PDB file of N, CA and C in Angstrom:
ATOM      1  N   MET A   1       0.816  -1.194   0.000  1.00  0.00           N
ATOM      2  CA  MET A   1       0.000   0.000   0.000  1.00  0.00           C
ATOM      3  C   MET A   1       0.861   1.260   0.000  1.00  0.00           C
ATOM      4  N   THR A   2       1.993   1.186   0.683  1.00  0.00           N
ATOM      5  CA  THR A   2       2.869   2.348   0.724  1.00  0.00           C
ATOM      6  C   THR A   2       3.407   2.684  -0.660  1.00  0.00           C
ATOM      7  N   GLY A   3       3.734   1.646  -1.438  1.00  0.00           N
ATOM      8  CA  GLY A   3       4.214   1.872  -2.798  1.00  0.00           C
ATOM      9  C   GLY A   3       3.161   2.538  -3.666  1.00  0.00           C
ATOM     10  N   PHE A   4       1.919   2.156  -3.491  1.00  0.00           N
ATOM     11  CA  PHE A   4       0.825   2.766  -4.244  1.00  0.00           C
ATOM     12  C   PHE A   4       0.705   4.252  -3.920  1.00  0.00           C
ATOM     13  N   ILE A   5       0.823   4.575  -2.644  1.00  0.00           N
ATOM     14  CA  ILE A   5       0.736   5.978  -2.228  1.00  0.00           C
ATOM     15  C   ILE A   5       1.911   6.767  -2.792  1.00  0.00           C
ATOM     16  N   LEU A   6       3.112   6.195  -2.726  1.00  0.00           N
ATOM     17  CA  LEU A   6       4.285   6.885  -3.260  1.00  0.00           C
ATOM     18  C   LEU A   6       4.175   7.091  -4.761  1.00  0.00           C
ATOM     19  N   LEU A   7       3.612   6.110  -5.460  1.00  0.00           N
ATOM     20  CA  LEU A   7       3.517   6.209  -6.917  1.00  0.00           C
ATOM     21  C   LEU A   7       2.554   7.312  -7.338  1.00  0.00           C
ATOM     22  N   PHE A   8       1.405   7.431  -6.681  1.00  0.00           N
ATOM     23  CA  PHE A   8       0.386   8.375  -7.131  1.00  0.00           C
ATOM     24  C   PHE A   8       0.404   9.711  -6.393  1.00  0.00           C
ATOM     25  N   GLN A   9       1.056   9.772  -5.242  1.00  0.00           N
ATOM     26  CA  GLN A   9       1.151  11.036  -4.533  1.00  0.00           C
ATOM     27  C   GLN A   9       2.579  11.565  -4.522  1.00  0.00           C
ATOM     28  N   GLY A  10       3.470  10.893  -5.225  1.00  0.00           N
ATOM     29  CA  GLY A  10       4.877  11.254  -5.195  1.00  0.00           C
ATOM     30  C   GLY A  10       5.188  12.565  -5.883  1.00  0.00           C
ATOM     31  N   TRP A  11       4.301  13.055  -6.731  1.00  0.00           N
ATOM     32  CA  TRP A  11       4.559  14.329  -7.403  1.00  0.00           C
ATOM     33  C   TRP A  11       4.625  15.469  -6.402  1.00  0.00           C
ATOM     34  N   ARG A  12       4.053  15.263  -5.219  1.00  0.00           N
ATOM     35  CA  ARG A  12       4.139  16.286  -4.170  1.00  0.00           C
ATOM     36  C   ARG A  12       5.502  16.267  -3.485  1.00  0.00           C
ATOM     37  N   LEU A  13       6.210  15.160  -3.644  1.00  0.00           N
ATOM     38  CA  LEU A  13       7.535  15.035  -3.051  1.00  0.00           C
ATOM     39  C   LEU A  13       8.582  15.576  -4.022  1.00  0.00           C
ATOM     40  N   ASP A  14       9.807  15.320  -3.732  1.00  0.00           N
ATOM     41  CA  ASP A  14      10.908  15.737  -4.594  1.00  0.00           C
ATOM     42  C   ASP A  14      10.791  15.016  -5.940  1.00  0.00           C
ATOM     43  N   PRO A  15      10.867  15.722  -7.064  1.00  0.00           N
ATOM     44  CA  PRO A  15      10.741  15.070  -8.371  1.00  0.00           C
ATOM     45  C   PRO A  15      11.831  14.021  -8.630  1.00  0.00           C
ATOM     46  N   ILE A  16      13.025  14.236  -8.091  1.00  0.00           N
ATOM     47  CA  ILE A  16      14.090  13.249  -8.277  1.00  0.00           C
ATOM     48  C   ILE A  16      13.735  11.959  -7.540  1.00  0.00           C
ATOM     49  N   LEU A  17      13.161  12.077  -6.359  1.00  0.00           N
ATOM     50  CA  LEU A  17      12.735  10.898  -5.608  1.00  0.00           C
ATOM     51  C   LEU A  17      11.654  10.147  -6.371  1.00  0.00           C
ATOM     52  N   GLN A  18      10.700  10.853  -6.931  1.00  0.00           N
ATOM     53  CA  GLN A  18       9.633  10.213  -7.699  1.00  0.00           C
ATOM     54  C   GLN A  18      10.198   9.517  -8.929  1.00  0.00           C
ATOM     55  N   PHE A  19      11.115  10.172  -9.623  1.00  0.00           N
ATOM     56  CA  PHE A  19      11.711   9.582 -10.816  1.00  0.00           C
ATOM     57  C   PHE A  19      12.495   8.324 -10.467  1.00  0.00           C
ATOM     58  N   SER A  20      13.250   8.350  -9.388  1.00  0.00           N
ATOM     59  CA  SER A  20      14.023   7.172  -8.997  1.00  0.00           C
ATOM     60  C   SER A  20      13.098   6.039  -8.561  1.00  0.00           C
ATOM     61  N   TYR A  21      11.982   6.376  -7.930  1.00  0.00           N
ATOM     62  CA  TYR A  21      11.016   5.349  -7.528  1.00  0.00           C
ATOM     63  C   TYR A  21      10.389   4.681  -8.752  1.00  0.00           C
ATOM     64  N   VAL A  22      10.051   5.477  -9.768  1.00  0.00           N
ATOM     65  CA  VAL A  22       9.479   4.917 -10.996  1.00  0.00           C
ATOM     66  C   VAL A  22      10.506   4.034 -11.710  1.00  0.00           C
ATOM     67  N   LEU A  23      11.755   4.489 -11.779  1.00  0.00           N
ATOM     68  CA  LEU A  23      12.796   3.671 -12.400  1.00  0.00           C
ATOM     69  C   LEU A  23      13.003   2.364 -11.642  1.00  0.00           C
ATOM     70  N   LEU A  24      12.967   2.425 -10.330  1.00  0.00           N
ATOM     71  CA  LEU A  24      13.120   1.219  -9.525  1.00  0.00           C
ATOM     72  C   LEU A  24      11.979   0.241  -9.794  1.00  0.00           C
ATOM     73  N   ASN A  25      10.761   0.744  -9.915  1.00  0.00           N
ATOM     74  CA  ASN A  25       9.627  -0.137 -10.212  1.00  0.00           C
ATOM     75  C   ASN A  25       9.760  -0.778 -11.576  1.00  0.00           C
ATOM     76  N   PHE A  26      10.174  -0.003 -12.585  1.00  0.00           N
ATOM     77  CA  PHE A  26      10.375  -0.582 -13.913  1.00  0.00           C
ATOM     78  C   PHE A  26      11.448  -1.658 -13.887  1.00  0.00           C
ATOM     79  N   LEU A  27      12.515  -1.435 -13.142  1.00  0.00           N
ATOM     80  CA  LEU A  27      13.587  -2.416 -13.053  1.00  0.00           C
ATOM     81  C   LEU A  27      13.102  -3.706 -12.397  1.00  0.00           C
ATOM     82  N   VAL A  28      12.346  -3.597 -11.321  1.00  0.00           N
ATOM     83  CA  VAL A  28      11.838  -4.776 -10.626  1.00  0.00           C
ATOM     84  C   VAL A  28      10.874  -5.551 -11.519  1.00  0.00           C
ATOM     85  N   ILE A  29       9.998  -4.857 -12.216  1.00  0.00           N
ATOM     86  CA  ILE A  29       9.051  -5.526 -13.110  1.00  0.00           C
ATOM     87  C   ILE A  29       9.790  -6.204 -14.261  1.00  0.00           C
ATOM     88  N   TYR A  30      10.760  -5.513 -14.855  1.00  0.00           N
ATOM     89  CA  TYR A  30      11.525  -6.091 -15.961  1.00  0.00           C
ATOM     90  C   TYR A  30      12.259  -7.357 -15.517  1.00  0.00           C
ATOM     91  N   LEU A  31      12.954  -7.296 -14.394  1.00  0.00           N
ATOM     92  CA  LEU A  31      13.713  -8.457 -13.938  1.00  0.00           C
ATOM     93  C   LEU A  31      12.790  -9.602 -13.547  1.00  0.00           C
ATOM     94  N   GLY A  32      11.640  -9.296 -12.970  1.00  0.00           N
ATOM     95  CA  GLY A  32      10.692 -10.347 -12.618  1.00  0.00           C
ATOM     96  C   GLY A  32      10.146 -11.061 -13.845  1.00  0.00           C
ATOM     97  N   VAL A  33       9.759 -10.291 -14.858  1.00  0.00           N
ATOM     98  CA  VAL A  33       9.236 -10.893 -16.094  1.00  0.00           C
ATOM     99  C   VAL A  33      10.329 -11.695 -16.794  1.00  0.00           C
ATOM    100  N   LYS A  34      11.544 -11.151 -16.823  1.00  0.00           N
ATOM    101  CA  LYS A  34      12.658 -11.866 -17.447  1.00  0.00           C
ATOM    102  C   LYS A  34      12.929 -13.191 -16.746  1.00  0.00           C
ATOM    103  N   ASP A  35      12.913 -13.208 -15.429  1.00  0.00           N
ATOM    104  CA  ASP A  35      13.163 -14.436 -14.680  1.00  0.00           C
ATOM    105  C   ASP A  35      12.055 -15.463 -14.909  1.00  0.00           C
ATOM    106  N   ILE A  36      10.809 -15.013 -14.969  1.00  0.00           N
ATOM    107  CA  ILE A  36       9.703 -15.943 -15.214  1.00  0.00           C
ATOM    108  C   ILE A  36       9.826 -16.558 -16.599  1.00  0.00           C
ATOM    109  N   ILE A  37      10.151 -15.745 -17.607  1.00  0.00           N
ATOM    110  CA  ILE A  37      10.304 -16.258 -18.974  1.00  0.00           C
ATOM    111  C   ILE A  37      11.462 -17.243 -19.050  1.00  0.00           C
ATOM    112  N   LEU A  38      12.602 -16.898 -18.446  1.00  0.00           N
ATOM    113  CA  LEU A  38      13.750 -17.805 -18.456  1.00  0.00           C
ATOM    114  C   LEU A  38      13.450 -19.091 -17.716  1.00  0.00           C
ATOM    115  N   PHE A  39      12.729 -19.020 -16.624  1.00  0.00           N
ATOM    116  CA  PHE A  39      12.383 -20.228 -15.880  1.00  0.00           C
ATOM    117  C   PHE A  39      11.517 -21.149 -16.737  1.00  0.00           C
ATOM    118  N   ARG A  40      10.560 -20.572 -17.449  1.00  0.00           N
ATOM    119  CA  ARG A  40       9.690 -21.406 -18.285  1.00  0.00           C
ATOM    120  C   ARG A  40      10.442 -22.004 -19.466  1.00  0.00           C
ATOM    121  N   LEU A  41      11.408 -21.266 -20.011  1.00  0.00           N
ATOM    122  CA  LEU A  41      12.171 -21.790 -21.141  1.00  0.00           C
ATOM    123  C   LEU A  41      13.158 -22.871 -20.720  1.00  0.00           C
ATOM    124  N   LEU A  42      13.753 -22.736 -19.558  1.00  0.00           N
ATOM    125  CA  LEU A  42      14.815 -23.638 -19.142  1.00  0.00           C
ATOM    126  C   LEU A  42      14.349 -24.788 -18.269  1.00  0.00           C
ATOM    127  N   SER A  43      13.120 -24.748 -17.771  1.00  0.00           N
ATOM    128  CA  SER A  43      12.639 -25.825 -16.913  1.00  0.00           C
ATOM    129  C   SER A  43      12.282 -27.038 -17.765  1.00  0.00           C
ATOM    130  N   PRO A  44      12.419 -28.232 -17.193  1.00  0.00           N
ATOM    131  CA  PRO A  44      12.035 -29.429 -17.938  1.00  0.00           C
ATOM    132  C   PRO A  44      10.528 -29.439 -18.224  1.00  0.00           C
ATOM    133  N   PRO A  45      10.122 -30.112 -19.293  1.00  0.00           N
ATOM    134  CA  PRO A  45       8.697 -30.091 -19.675  1.00  0.00           C
ATOM    135  C   PRO A  45       7.768 -30.647 -18.593  1.00  0.00           C
ATOM    136  N   ASN A  46       8.210 -31.639 -17.813  1.00  0.00           N
ATOM    137  CA  ASN A  46       7.317 -32.213 -16.802  1.00  0.00           C
ATOM    138  C   ASN A  46       7.239 -31.349 -15.547  1.00  0.00           C
ATOM    139  N   HIS A  47       8.003 -30.270 -15.463  1.00  0.00           N
ATOM    140  CA  HIS A  47       7.968 -29.383 -14.296  1.00  0.00           C
ATOM    141  C   HIS A  47       6.911 -28.307 -14.418  1.00  0.00           C
ATOM    142  N   ARG A  48       6.415 -28.046 -15.621  1.00  0.00           N
ATOM    143  CA  ARG A  48       5.449 -26.961 -15.852  1.00  0.00           C
ATOM    144  C   ARG A  48       4.109 -27.276 -15.334  1.00  0.00           C
TER     145      ARG A  48
END
């Protein structure tokens, strides 16, 4: 819930803080999706 508040009310805070928070979220989402895709590609067929 705190992340949601920071994302939508962060414009009231320092713009650099808001920008770094958005970049951090994009990085976490990108790495999570990449790991899920790699896991599905590299896992054995009977593990899915």
